[in-house]
Structures are given as structure tokens and as C-alpha cells.
């Protein structure tokens, strides 16, 4: 988080936006079924899929997020809240 904020402060004046995504566990072919046990501890009650993280990345790189600098966006099904 500090690196994201530091780089945003350093490179922002040059027109570079620096943000980060904190995805938590993601369902991929390599994770197997054991990761499903984590779902019970998440408010969303499921493990996110790769396309859900990709959507967050697409948002942060879009013009809609042009005024977002130095942010860490949790895409974690509420794990930070729980």
C-alpha cells in the first residue's frame, strides 16, 4: 500500500496514475477444490473468478477512474471487512 501511495505521489505530477488491486484468493485451474473452503469465511460466500478481478483492473485503467490516484482496491469478496 505504501509503495502504491509513494509512486502515485512521485509519478502523478507526470500524468501517471498508480493504483493497486488486492484480490485475495482467486479460482483458477491450479487452485483445486481446497480453495472453496475459504468461501465460508467471506461475506460474499464464494471465491472470486479471474474475470471479476479483470473488471476491476479495466475500471482503474479507464477514463472513469481518471481522478483515482494511490488507491488500493480490494476485490476480495469482503475479506477485509470480515
Protein backbone atom coordinates (compact mmCIF):
# COMPACT_ATOMS: atom_id res chain seq x y z
CA UNK A 1 0.00 0.00 0.00
CA UNK A 2 2.79 2.43 0.85
CA UNK A 3 4.56 1.74 -2.44
CA UNK A 4 1.35 2.46 -4.34
CA UNK A 5 0.86 5.75 -2.50
CA UNK A 6 4.52 6.71 -2.83
CA UNK A 7 4.62 6.06 -6.55
CA UNK A 8 1.31 7.88 -7.04
CA UNK A 9 2.79 10.93 -5.32
CA UNK A 10 6.04 10.67 -7.28
CA UNK A 11 4.70 9.91 -10.75
CA UNK A 12 1.26 11.55 -10.57
CA UNK A 13 2.52 15.03 -11.49
CA UNK A 14 3.87 13.47 -14.69
CA UNK A 15 0.44 12.14 -15.65
CA UNK A 16 0.94 8.59 -14.41
CA UNK A 17 -1.78 7.06 -12.25
CA UNK A 18 -0.59 4.38 -9.83
CA UNK A 19 -3.20 2.16 -8.18
CA UNK A 20 -3.29 -1.43 -6.98
CA UNK A 21 -5.75 -4.31 -6.72
CA UNK A 22 -5.85 -6.54 -3.65
CA UNK A 23 -7.63 -9.64 -4.97
CA UNK A 24 -7.34 -12.30 -2.28
CA UNK A 25 -7.93 -15.91 -3.36
CA UNK A 26 -9.00 -16.47 -6.97
CA UNK A 27 -10.45 -19.54 -8.63
CA UNK A 28 -8.02 -20.78 -11.27
CA UNK A 29 -7.33 -24.23 -12.72
CA UNK A 30 -4.33 -24.56 -10.40
CA UNK A 31 -6.13 -23.91 -7.12
CA UNK A 32 -8.18 -27.08 -6.99
CA UNK A 33 -11.17 -27.55 -4.70
CA UNK A 34 -9.47 -26.77 -1.38
CA UNK A 35 -9.87 -23.06 -2.01
CA UNK A 36 -13.65 -23.47 -1.84
CA UNK A 37 -13.34 -23.94 1.93
CA UNK A 38 -12.30 -20.29 2.18
CA UNK A 39 -15.65 -19.20 0.78
CA UNK A 40 -17.41 -19.86 4.07
CA UNK A 41 -15.33 -17.16 5.77
CA UNK A 42 -16.10 -14.47 3.17
CA UNK A 43 -19.15 -12.21 3.25
CA UNK A 44 -19.66 -12.98 -0.46
CA UNK A 45 -19.68 -16.72 0.43
CA UNK A 46 -17.75 -17.60 -2.72
CA UNK A 47 -14.29 -17.31 -4.24
CA UNK A 48 -13.98 -14.72 -6.95
CA UNK A 49 -13.34 -15.62 -10.57
CA UNK A 50 -10.48 -14.14 -12.62
CA UNK A 51 -12.85 -12.07 -14.77
CA UNK A 52 -14.06 -10.22 -11.65
CA UNK A 53 -10.53 -9.02 -10.90
CA UNK A 54 -10.02 -8.19 -14.58
CA UNK A 55 -13.11 -5.97 -14.45
CA UNK A 56 -11.62 -4.01 -11.56
CA UNK A 57 -8.36 -3.60 -13.48
CA UNK A 58 -10.29 -2.43 -16.55
CA UNK A 59 -12.10 0.14 -14.42
CA UNK A 60 -8.91 1.51 -12.84
CA UNK A 61 -7.30 1.88 -16.27
CA UNK A 62 -10.35 3.56 -17.78
CA UNK A 63 -11.12 7.26 -18.09
CA UNK A 64 -13.85 6.75 -15.46
CA UNK A 65 -11.07 6.36 -12.88
CA UNK A 66 -9.02 9.30 -14.12
CA UNK A 67 -9.10 11.02 -10.73
CA UNK A 68 -8.18 7.95 -8.69
CA UNK A 69 -4.54 8.02 -7.59
CA UNK A 70 -2.73 5.94 -4.98
CA UNK A 71 -5.69 3.69 -4.20
CA UNK A 72 -5.67 0.02 -3.26
CA UNK A 73 -8.95 -1.53 -4.41
CA UNK A 74 -9.92 -4.69 -2.53
CA UNK A 75 -11.62 -7.19 -4.84
CA UNK A 76 -11.83 -9.81 -2.14
CA UNK A 77 -15.47 -10.67 -1.57
CA UNK A 78 -15.45 -8.68 1.65
CA UNK A 79 -12.47 -10.45 3.27
CA UNK A 80 -11.10 -7.14 4.58
CA UNK A 81 -14.46 -6.37 6.18
CA UNK A 82 -14.81 -9.74 7.89
